[in-house]
Amino acid sequence: QKYPNARITLMDISEKMLEMARRRFADTDQVQYVVGDYTKHAFTS
């Protein structure tokens, strides 16, 4: 809402929580989703 043009990556260990996020952002292609543990993930961006 503050940055309508933002590109956001959501990461969470719970697929079910991210399922709710996918519903929230169903009308935008600016959001990406990563299911995983961010303490172990190999980030490259």
All heavy atoms as atom14 arrays in JSON, in Angstrom:
{
  "sequence": "QKYPNARITLMDISEKMLEMARRRFADTDQVQYVVGDYTKHAFTS",
  "atom14_mask": [
    [1, 1, 1, 1, 1, 1, 1, 1, 1, 0, 0, 0, 0, 0],
    [1, 1, 1, 1, 1, 1, 1, 1, 1, 0, 0, 0, 0, 0],
    [1, 1, 1, 1, 1, 1, 1, 1, 1, 1, 1, 1, 0, 0],
    [1, 1, 1, 1, 1, 1, 1, 0, 0, 0, 0, 0, 0, 0],
    [1, 1, 1, 1, 1, 1, 1, 1, 0, 0, 0, 0, 0, 0],
    [1, 1, 1, 1, 1, 0, 0, 0, 0, 0, 0, 0, 0, 0],
    [1, 1, 1, 1, 1, 1, 1, 1, 1, 1, 1, 0, 0, 0],
    [1, 1, 1, 1, 1, 1, 1, 1, 0, 0, 0, 0, 0, 0],
    [1, 1, 1, 1, 1, 1, 1, 0, 0, 0, 0, 0, 0, 0],
    [1, 1, 1, 1, 1, 1, 1, 1, 0, 0, 0, 0, 0, 0],
    [1, 1, 1, 1, 1, 1, 1, 1, 0, 0, 0, 0, 0, 0],
    [1, 1, 1, 1, 1, 1, 1, 1, 0, 0, 0, 0, 0, 0],
    [1, 1, 1, 1, 1, 1, 1, 1, 0, 0, 0, 0, 0, 0],
    [1, 1, 1, 1, 1, 1, 0, 0, 0, 0, 0, 0, 0, 0],
    [1, 1, 1, 1, 1, 1, 1, 1, 1, 0, 0, 0, 0, 0],
    [1, 1, 1, 1, 1, 1, 1, 1, 1, 0, 0, 0, 0, 0],
    [1, 1, 1, 1, 1, 1, 1, 1, 0, 0, 0, 0, 0, 0],
    [1, 1, 1, 1, 1, 1, 1, 1, 0, 0, 0, 0, 0, 0],
    [1, 1, 1, 1, 1, 1, 1, 1, 1, 0, 0, 0, 0, 0],
    [1, 1, 1, 1, 1, 1, 1, 1, 0, 0, 0, 0, 0, 0],
    [1, 1, 1, 1, 1, 0, 0, 0, 0, 0, 0, 0, 0, 0],
    [1, 1, 1, 1, 1, 1, 1, 1, 1, 1, 1, 0, 0, 0],
    [1, 1, 1, 1, 1, 1, 1, 1, 1, 1, 1, 0, 0, 0],
    [1, 1, 1, 1, 1, 1, 1, 1, 1, 1, 1, 0, 0, 0],
    [1, 1, 1, 1, 1, 1, 1, 1, 1, 1, 1, 0, 0, 0],
    [1, 1, 1, 1, 1, 0, 0, 0, 0, 0, 0, 0, 0, 0],
    [1, 1, 1, 1, 1, 1, 1, 1, 0, 0, 0, 0, 0, 0],
    [1, 1, 1, 1, 1, 1, 1, 0, 0, 0, 0, 0, 0, 0],
    [1, 1, 1, 1, 1, 1, 1, 1, 0, 0, 0, 0, 0, 0],
    [1, 1, 1, 1, 1, 1, 1, 1, 1, 0, 0, 0, 0, 0],
    [1, 1, 1, 1, 1, 1, 1, 0, 0, 0, 0, 0, 0, 0],
    [1, 1, 1, 1, 1, 1, 1, 1, 1, 0, 0, 0, 0, 0],
    [1, 1, 1, 1, 1, 1, 1, 1, 1, 1, 1, 1, 0, 0],
    [1, 1, 1, 1, 1, 1, 1, 0, 0, 0, 0, 0, 0, 0],
    [1, 1, 1, 1, 1, 1, 1, 0, 0, 0, 0, 0, 0, 0],
    [1, 1, 1, 1, 0, 0, 0, 0, 0, 0, 0, 0, 0, 0],
    [1, 1, 1, 1, 1, 1, 1, 1, 0, 0, 0, 0, 0, 0],
    [1, 1, 1, 1, 1, 1, 1, 1, 1, 1, 1, 1, 0, 0],
    [1, 1, 1, 1, 1, 1, 1, 0, 0, 0, 0, 0, 0, 0],
    [1, 1, 1, 1, 1, 1, 1, 1, 1, 0, 0, 0, 0, 0],
    [1, 1, 1, 1, 1, 1, 1, 1, 1, 1, 0, 0, 0, 0],
    [1, 1, 1, 1, 1, 0, 0, 0, 0, 0, 0, 0, 0, 0],
    [1, 1, 1, 1, 1, 1, 1, 1, 1, 1, 1, 0, 0, 0],
    [1, 1, 1, 1, 1, 1, 1, 0, 0, 0, 0, 0, 0, 0],
    [1, 1, 1, 1, 1, 1, 0, 0, 0, 0, 0, 0, 0, 0]
  ],
  "atom14_positions": [
    [[0.83, -1.19, 0.0], [0.0, 0.0, 0.0], [0.87, 1.25, 0.0], [0.52, 2.27, -0.6], [-0.92, 0.0, 1.22], [-1.98, -1.09, 1.18], [-2.93, -1.02, 2.36], [-3.35, 0.05, 2.79], [-3.27, -2.17, 2.91], [0.0, 0.0, 0.0], [0.0, 0.0, 0.0], [0.0, 0.0, 0.0], [0.0, 0.0, 0.0], [0.0, 0.0, 0.0]],
    [[2.02, 1.17, 0.68], [2.95, 2.31, 0.72], [3.76, 2.41, -0.56], [4.01, 3.51, -1.06], [3.88, 2.16, 1.92], [4.86, 3.31, 2.1], [5.62, 3.2, 3.41], [6.55, 4.39, 3.62], [7.23, 4.34, 4.94], [0.0, 0.0, 0.0], [0.0, 0.0, 0.0], [0.0, 0.0, 0.0], [0.0, 0.0, 0.0], [0.0, 0.0, 0.0]],
    [[4.18, 1.24, -1.08], [4.96, 1.19, -2.32], [4.25, 0.28, -3.32], [4.57, -0.9, -3.44], [6.37, 0.65, -2.04], [7.22, 1.56, -1.19], [7.43, 1.28, 0.16], [7.83, 2.69, -1.74], [8.21, 2.11, 0.94], [8.61, 3.52, -0.96], [8.81, 3.24, 0.38], [9.58, 4.06, 1.16], [0.0, 0.0, 0.0], [0.0, 0.0, 0.0]],
    [[3.27, 0.81, -4.05], [2.47, -0.02, -4.96], [3.28, -0.7, -6.06], [2.82, -1.69, -6.63], [1.47, 0.98, -5.56], [1.42, 2.11, -4.58], [2.79, 2.2, -4.01], [0.0, 0.0, 0.0], [0.0, 0.0, 0.0], [0.0, 0.0, 0.0], [0.0, 0.0, 0.0], [0.0, 0.0, 0.0], [0.0, 0.0, 0.0], [0.0, 0.0, 0.0]],
    [[4.49, -0.18, -6.35], [5.31, -0.76, -7.41], [6.43, -1.65, -6.87], [7.3, -2.09, -7.63], [5.93, 0.36, -8.27], [4.87, 1.2, -8.96], [3.9, 0.67, -9.49], [5.06, 2.51, -8.95], [0.0, 0.0, 0.0], [0.0, 0.0, 0.0], [0.0, 0.0, 0.0], [0.0, 0.0, 0.0], [0.0, 0.0, 0.0], [0.0, 0.0, 0.0]],
    [[6.4, -1.91, -5.59], [7.45, -2.73, -4.97], [7.41, -4.16, -5.51], [6.36, -4.66, -5.92], [7.28, -2.75, -3.46], [0.0, 0.0, 0.0], [0.0, 0.0, 0.0], [0.0, 0.0, 0.0], [0.0, 0.0, 0.0], [0.0, 0.0, 0.0], [0.0, 0.0, 0.0], [0.0, 0.0, 0.0], [0.0, 0.0, 0.0], [0.0, 0.0, 0.0]],
    [[8.57, -4.79, -5.5], [8.67, -6.22, -5.84], [9.08, -6.95, -4.56], [10.14, -6.67, -4.01], [9.71, -6.42, -6.94], [9.33, -5.78, -8.28], [10.53, -5.64, -9.17], [11.5, -4.7, -8.61], [12.78, -4.66, -8.96], [13.26, -5.51, -9.86], [13.6, -3.77, -8.43], [0.0, 0.0, 0.0], [0.0, 0.0, 0.0], [0.0, 0.0, 0.0]],
    [[8.23, -7.83, -4.1], [8.43, -8.43, -2.79], [8.54, -9.95, -2.89], [7.75, -10.6, -3.59], [7.27, -8.07, -1.83], [7.09, -6.54, -1.76], [7.51, -8.63, -0.45], [6.02, -6.09, -0.8], [0.0, 0.0, 0.0], [0.0, 0.0, 0.0], [0.0, 0.0, 0.0], [0.0, 0.0, 0.0], [0.0, 0.0, 0.0], [0.0, 0.0, 0.0]],
    [[9.51, -10.49, -2.19], [9.66, -11.94, -2.05], [9.27, -12.33, -0.64], [9.83, -11.82, 0.33], [11.1, -12.39, -2.34], [11.44, -12.04, -3.68], [11.24, -13.89, -2.15], [0.0, 0.0, 0.0], [0.0, 0.0, 0.0], [0.0, 0.0, 0.0], [0.0, 0.0, 0.0], [0.0, 0.0, 0.0], [0.0, 0.0, 0.0], [0.0, 0.0, 0.0]],
    [[8.3, -13.22, -0.53], [7.85, -13.71, 0.77], [8.46, -15.08, 1.01], [8.35, -15.98, 0.17], [6.32, -13.85, 0.8], [5.5, -12.61, 1.16], [5.77, -11.49, 0.17], [4.01, -12.95, 1.19], [0.0, 0.0, 0.0], [0.0, 0.0, 0.0], [0.0, 0.0, 0.0], [0.0, 0.0, 0.0], [0.0, 0.0, 0.0], [0.0, 0.0, 0.0]],
    [[9.1, -15.25, 2.17], [9.68, -16.55, 2.51], [9.16, -17.0, 3.86], [9.16, -16.24, 4.83], [11.21, -16.48, 2.55], [11.85, -17.84, 2.8], [13.63, -17.81, 2.52], [13.97, -19.57, 2.52], [0.0, 0.0, 0.0], [0.0, 0.0, 0.0], [0.0, 0.0, 0.0], [0.0, 0.0, 0.0], [0.0, 0.0, 0.0], [0.0, 0.0, 0.0]],
    [[8.72, -18.26, 3.92], [8.22, -18.81, 5.18], [8.38, -20.32, 5.16], [8.33, -20.95, 4.08], [6.76, -18.44, 5.39], [6.35, -18.55, 6.86], [6.02, -19.66, 7.32], [6.38, -17.51, 7.55], [0.0, 0.0, 0.0], [0.0, 0.0, 0.0], [0.0, 0.0, 0.0], [0.0, 0.0, 0.0], [0.0, 0.0, 0.0], [0.0, 0.0, 0.0]],
    [[8.53, -20.89, 6.34], [8.68, -22.34, 6.45], [7.34, -23.06, 6.34], [7.29, -24.26, 6.07], [9.37, -22.68, 7.79], [9.96, -24.1, 7.75], [8.42, -22.5, 8.97], [10.85, -24.42, 8.93], [0.0, 0.0, 0.0], [0.0, 0.0, 0.0], [0.0, 0.0, 0.0], [0.0, 0.0, 0.0], [0.0, 0.0, 0.0], [0.0, 0.0, 0.0]],
    [[6.25, -22.33, 6.53], [4.91, -22.91, 6.51], [4.23, -22.69, 5.16], [3.88, -21.56, 4.81], [4.04, -22.31, 7.63], [2.69, -22.69, 7.47], [0.0, 0.0, 0.0], [0.0, 0.0, 0.0], [0.0, 0.0, 0.0], [0.0, 0.0, 0.0], [0.0, 0.0, 0.0], [0.0, 0.0, 0.0], [0.0, 0.0, 0.0], [0.0, 0.0, 0.0]],
    [[4.03, -23.77, 4.42], [3.33, -23.69, 3.14], [1.9, -23.19, 3.33], [1.38, -22.43, 2.51], [3.33, -25.05, 2.45], [2.47, -25.14, 1.2], [2.94, -24.24, 0.07], [4.16, -24.07, -0.09], [2.07, -23.69, -0.64], [0.0, 0.0, 0.0], [0.0, 0.0, 0.0], [0.0, 0.0, 0.0], [0.0, 0.0, 0.0], [0.0, 0.0, 0.0]],
    [[1.26, -23.61, 4.43], [-0.13, -23.2, 4.66], [-0.24, -21.7, 4.9], [-1.22, -21.07, 4.49], [-0.7, -23.99, 5.83], [-0.91, -25.47, 5.54], [-1.64, -26.17, 6.67], [-1.8, -27.65, 6.38], [-2.63, -27.89, 5.17], [0.0, 0.0, 0.0], [0.0, 0.0, 0.0], [0.0, 0.0, 0.0], [0.0, 0.0, 0.0], [0.0, 0.0, 0.0]],
    [[0.75, -21.13, 5.58], [0.73, -19.68, 5.77], [0.9, -18.96, 4.42], [0.22, -17.98, 4.13], [1.85, -19.26, 6.73], [1.65, -19.77, 8.15], [0.31, -18.95, 9.04], [1.19, -17.58, 9.79], [0.0, 0.0, 0.0], [0.0, 0.0, 0.0], [0.0, 0.0, 0.0], [0.0, 0.0, 0.0], [0.0, 0.0, 0.0], [0.0, 0.0, 0.0]],
    [[1.81, -19.47, 3.6], [2.01, -18.85, 2.3], [0.82, -19.05, 1.36], [0.6, -18.24, 0.46], [3.29, -19.38, 1.65], [4.61, -18.86, 2.25], [5.8, -19.44, 1.5], [4.68, -17.34, 2.23], [0.0, 0.0, 0.0], [0.0, 0.0, 0.0], [0.0, 0.0, 0.0], [0.0, 0.0, 0.0], [0.0, 0.0, 0.0], [0.0, 0.0, 0.0]],
    [[0.06, -20.11, 1.58], [-1.18, -20.29, 0.81], [-2.12, -19.12, 1.06], [-2.77, -18.61, 0.15], [-1.86, -21.6, 1.19], [-1.21, -22.85, 0.59], [-1.89, -24.12, 1.07], [-2.96, -24.01, 1.72], [-1.36, -25.21, 0.8], [0.0, 0.0, 0.0], [0.0, 0.0, 0.0], [0.0, 0.0, 0.0], [0.0, 0.0, 0.0], [0.0, 0.0, 0.0]],
    [[-2.19, -18.68, 2.32], [-3.02, -17.53, 2.64], [-2.46, -16.27, 1.98], [-3.22, -15.41, 1.51], [-3.1, -17.35, 4.16], [-3.64, -18.56, 4.91], [-5.29, -19.05, 4.37], [-6.26, -17.63, 4.91], [0.0, 0.0, 0.0], [0.0, 0.0, 0.0], [0.0, 0.0, 0.0], [0.0, 0.0, 0.0], [0.0, 0.0, 0.0], [0.0, 0.0, 0.0]],
    [[-1.14, -16.15, 1.93], [-0.52, -15.0, 1.28], [-0.84, -14.99, -0.22], [-1.1, -13.94, -0.81], [0.99, -15.03, 1.5], [0.0, 0.0, 0.0], [0.0, 0.0, 0.0], [0.0, 0.0, 0.0], [0.0, 0.0, 0.0], [0.0, 0.0, 0.0], [0.0, 0.0, 0.0], [0.0, 0.0, 0.0], [0.0, 0.0, 0.0], [0.0, 0.0, 0.0]],
    [[-0.81, -16.16, -0.84], [-1.13, -16.26, -2.27], [-2.55, -15.75, -2.53], [-2.82, -15.12, -3.55], [-0.98, -17.69, -2.75], [0.47, -18.19, -2.78], [0.53, -19.66, -3.17], [1.81, -20.26, -2.87], [2.88, -20.23, -3.66], [2.8, -19.62, -4.82], [4.01, -20.81, -3.3], [0.0, 0.0, 0.0], [0.0, 0.0, 0.0], [0.0, 0.0, 0.0]],
    [[-3.46, -16.04, -1.63], [-4.83, -15.54, -1.78], [-4.86, -14.01, -1.63], [-5.55, -13.31, -2.37], [-5.74, -16.17, -0.73], [-5.9, -17.68, -0.86], [-6.85, -18.2, 0.2], [-6.76, -19.65, 0.35], [-7.46, -20.35, 1.23], [-8.32, -19.73, 2.03], [-7.31, -21.65, 1.31], [0.0, 0.0, 0.0], [0.0, 0.0, 0.0], [0.0, 0.0, 0.0]],
    [[-4.09, -13.51, -0.66], [-4.05, -12.07, -0.42], [-3.56, -11.31, -1.66], [-4.08, -10.25, -2.01], [-3.12, -11.77, 0.76], [-3.03, -10.29, 1.14], [-1.87, -10.05, 2.12], [-2.04, -10.74, 3.37], [-2.74, -10.29, 4.4], [-3.38, -9.14, 4.31], [-2.81, -11.0, 5.51], [0.0, 0.0, 0.0], [0.0, 0.0, 0.0], [0.0, 0.0, 0.0]],
    [[-2.54, -11.87, -2.32], [-1.91, -11.18, -3.44], [-2.28, -11.81, -4.79], [-1.53, -11.71, -5.76], [-0.39, -11.19, -3.26], [0.07, -10.55, -1.98], [0.76, -11.29, -1.03], [-0.2, -9.22, -1.72], [1.19, -10.71, 0.15], [0.22, -8.62, -0.53], [0.92, -9.37, 0.41], [0.0, 0.0, 0.0], [0.0, 0.0, 0.0], [0.0, 0.0, 0.0]],
    [[-3.44, -12.41, -4.86], [-3.85, -13.12, -6.08], [-3.95, -12.2, -7.29], [-3.8, -12.64, -8.44], [-5.19, -13.81, -5.85], [0.0, 0.0, 0.0], [0.0, 0.0, 0.0], [0.0, 0.0, 0.0], [0.0, 0.0, 0.0], [0.0, 0.0, 0.0], [0.0, 0.0, 0.0], [0.0, 0.0, 0.0], [0.0, 0.0, 0.0], [0.0, 0.0, 0.0]],
    [[-4.17, -10.91, -7.06], [-4.38, -9.98, -8.17], [-3.11, -9.26, -8.61], [-3.18, -8.34, -9.43], [-5.44, -8.95, -7.79], [-6.81, -9.57, -7.58], [-7.08, -10.61, -8.21], [-7.59, -9.03, -6.77], [0.0, 0.0, 0.0], [0.0, 0.0, 0.0], [0.0, 0.0, 0.0], [0.0, 0.0, 0.0], [0.0, 0.0, 0.0], [0.0, 0.0, 0.0]],
    [[-1.96, -9.63, -8.06], [-0.72, -8.96, -8.45], [0.35, -9.98, -8.83], [0.38, -11.09, -8.29], [-0.19, -8.05, -7.32], [1.02, -7.42, -7.75], [0.08, -8.85, -6.06], [0.0, 0.0, 0.0], [0.0, 0.0, 0.0], [0.0, 0.0, 0.0], [0.0, 0.0, 0.0], [0.0, 0.0, 0.0], [0.0, 0.0, 0.0], [0.0, 0.0, 0.0]],
    [[1.23, -9.58, -9.74], [2.35, -10.43, -10.12], [3.66, -9.89, -9.55], [4.75, -10.29, -9.98], [2.45, -10.56, -11.64], [2.64, -9.22, -12.33], [2.71, -8.18, -11.63], [2.74, -9.21, -13.57], [0.0, 0.0, 0.0], [0.0, 0.0, 0.0], [0.0, 0.0, 0.0], [0.0, 0.0, 0.0], [0.0, 0.0, 0.0], [0.0, 0.0, 0.0]],
    [[3.57, -8.99, -8.6], [4.76, -8.37, -8.0], [5.31, -9.16, -6.83], [6.35, -8.79, -6.27], [4.43, -6.95, -7.53], [4.04, -6.0, -8.63], [3.38, -4.74, -8.09], [2.33, -4.32, -8.56], [3.99, -4.13, -7.08], [0.0, 0.0, 0.0], [0.0, 0.0, 0.0], [0.0, 0.0, 0.0], [0.0, 0.0, 0.0], [0.0, 0.0, 0.0]],
    [[4.63, -10.23, -6.45], [5.01, -10.98, -5.25], [5.47, -12.38, -5.64], [4.81, -13.07, -6.42], [3.82, -11.08, -4.26], [4.23, -11.86, -3.02], [3.34, -9.68, -3.88], [0.0, 0.0, 0.0], [0.0, 0.0, 0.0], [0.0, 0.0, 0.0], [0.0, 0.0, 0.0], [0.0, 0.0, 0.0], [0.0, 0.0, 0.0], [0.0, 0.0, 0.0]],
    [[6.6, -12.78, -5.09], [7.12, -14.13, -5.26], [7.09, -14.85, -3.92], [7.11, -14.22, -2.86], [8.56, -14.1, -5.79], [8.68, -13.51, -7.18], [10.11, -13.53, -7.68], [11.04, -13.37, -6.91], [10.28, -13.74, -8.97], [0.0, 0.0, 0.0], [0.0, 0.0, 0.0], [0.0, 0.0, 0.0], [0.0, 0.0, 0.0], [0.0, 0.0, 0.0]],
    [[7.06, -16.18, -3.97], [6.93, -16.99, -2.75], [8.02, -18.05, -2.7], [8.29, -18.72, -3.7], [5.56, -17.67, -2.72], [4.42, -16.7, -2.95], [3.96, -16.45, -4.25], [3.81, -16.03, -1.9], [2.94, -15.55, -4.48], [2.79, -15.12, -2.13], [2.35, -14.88, -3.42], [1.34, -13.99, -3.65], [0.0, 0.0, 0.0], [0.0, 0.0, 0.0]],
    [[8.62, -18.18, -1.53], [9.63, -19.21, -1.31], [9.29, -19.95, -0.03], [9.23, -19.35, 1.04], [11.05, -18.61, -1.19], [12.07, -19.73, -0.96], [11.41, -17.8, -2.42], [0.0, 0.0, 0.0], [0.0, 0.0, 0.0], [0.0, 0.0, 0.0], [0.0, 0.0, 0.0], [0.0, 0.0, 0.0], [0.0, 0.0, 0.0], [0.0, 0.0, 0.0]],
    [[9.03, -21.25, -0.16], [8.78, -22.08, 1.02], [10.13, -22.63, 1.49], [10.82, -23.32, 0.73], [7.83, -23.25, 0.7], [7.6, -24.1, 1.95], [6.51, -22.73, 0.15], [0.0, 0.0, 0.0], [0.0, 0.0, 0.0], [0.0, 0.0, 0.0], [0.0, 0.0, 0.0], [0.0, 0.0, 0.0], [0.0, 0.0, 0.0], [0.0, 0.0, 0.0]],
    [[10.5, -22.3, 2.7], [11.79, -22.77, 3.18], [12.2, -22.12, 4.47], [11.55, -21.19, 4.97], [0.0, 0.0, 0.0], [0.0, 0.0, 0.0], [0.0, 0.0, 0.0], [0.0, 0.0, 0.0], [0.0, 0.0, 0.0], [0.0, 0.0, 0.0], [0.0, 0.0, 0.0], [0.0, 0.0, 0.0], [0.0, 0.0, 0.0], [0.0, 0.0, 0.0]],
    [[13.29, -22.62, 5.03], [13.86, -22.14, 6.28], [14.93, -21.09, 5.95], [15.97, -21.41, 5.38], [14.48, -23.32, 7.03], [15.01, -22.95, 8.41], [15.23, -21.76, 8.67], [15.21, -23.88, 9.22], [0.0, 0.0, 0.0], [0.0, 0.0, 0.0], [0.0, 0.0, 0.0], [0.0, 0.0, 0.0], [0.0, 0.0, 0.0], [0.0, 0.0, 0.0]],
    [[14.67, -19.84, 6.3], [15.61, -18.79, 5.9], [16.92, -18.84, 6.66], [17.88, -18.14, 6.31], [14.96, -17.4, 6.0], [14.43, -16.99, 7.35], [15.28, -16.54, 8.36], [13.07, -17.0, 7.62], [14.79, -16.14, 9.59], [12.57, -16.61, 8.84], [13.44, -16.17, 9.83], [12.94, -15.79, 11.06], [0.0, 0.0, 0.0], [0.0, 0.0, 0.0]],
    [[17.02, -19.66, 7.7], [18.3, -19.81, 8.39], [19.25, -20.72, 7.6], [20.45, -20.75, 7.86], [18.12, -20.4, 9.8], [17.62, -21.74, 9.71], [17.16, -19.56, 10.63], [0.0, 0.0, 0.0], [0.0, 0.0, 0.0], [0.0, 0.0, 0.0], [0.0, 0.0, 0.0], [0.0, 0.0, 0.0], [0.0, 0.0, 0.0], [0.0, 0.0, 0.0]],
    [[18.7, -21.47, 6.63], [19.51, -22.43, 5.87], [19.52, -22.14, 4.37], [20.29, -22.75, 3.64], [18.98, -23.85, 6.1], [18.99, -24.29, 7.56], [18.34, -25.66, 7.72], [18.31, -26.08, 9.18], [17.62, -27.38, 9.36], [0.0, 0.0, 0.0], [0.0, 0.0, 0.0], [0.0, 0.0, 0.0], [0.0, 0.0, 0.0], [0.0, 0.0, 0.0]],
    [[18.67, -21.24, 3.93], [18.52, -20.99, 2.49], [19.76, -20.32, 1.89], [20.38, -19.46, 2.53], [17.3, -20.09, 2.27], [16.92, -19.93, 0.84], [16.31, -20.92, 0.11], [17.07, -18.87, 0.0], [16.08, -20.49, -1.11], [16.54, -19.25, -1.21], [0.0, 0.0, 0.0], [0.0, 0.0, 0.0], [0.0, 0.0, 0.0], [0.0, 0.0, 0.0]],
    [[20.11, -20.7, 0.69], [21.24, -20.1, -0.03], [20.72, -18.93, -0.86], [20.29, -19.11, -2.01], [21.92, -21.14, -0.91], [0.0, 0.0, 0.0], [0.0, 0.0, 0.0], [0.0, 0.0, 0.0], [0.0, 0.0, 0.0], [0.0, 0.0, 0.0], [0.0, 0.0, 0.0], [0.0, 0.0, 0.0], [0.0, 0.0, 0.0], [0.0, 0.0, 0.0]],
    [[20.74, -17.74, -0.3], [20.25, -16.56, -1.0], [21.26, -16.1, -2.04], [22.48, -16.14, -1.81], [19.99, -15.43, 0.0], [18.86, -15.68, 0.95], [19.11, -16.17, 2.23], [17.55, -15.43, 0.58], [18.08, -16.4, 3.11], [16.5, -15.65, 1.45], [16.76, -16.14, 2.74], [0.0, 0.0, 0.0], [0.0, 0.0, 0.0], [0.0, 0.0, 0.0]],
    [[20.76, -15.62, -3.17], [21.64, -15.16, -4.24], [21.3, -13.74, -4.7], [22.05, -13.16, -5.49], [21.58, -16.1, -5.46], [20.22, -16.2, -5.91], [22.08, -17.49, -5.09], [0.0, 0.0, 0.0], [0.0, 0.0, 0.0], [0.0, 0.0, 0.0], [0.0, 0.0, 0.0], [0.0, 0.0, 0.0], [0.0, 0.0, 0.0], [0.0, 0.0, 0.0]],
    [[20.2, -13.18, -4.23], [19.76, -11.86, -4.68], [20.13, -10.78, -3.67], [20.5, -11.07, -2.53], [18.25, -11.85, -4.91], [17.88, -12.8, -5.88], [0.0, 0.0, 0.0], [0.0, 0.0, 0.0], [0.0, 0.0, 0.0], [0.0, 0.0, 0.0], [0.0, 0.0, 0.0], [0.0, 0.0, 0.0], [0.0, 0.0, 0.0], [0.0, 0.0, 0.0]]
  ]
}
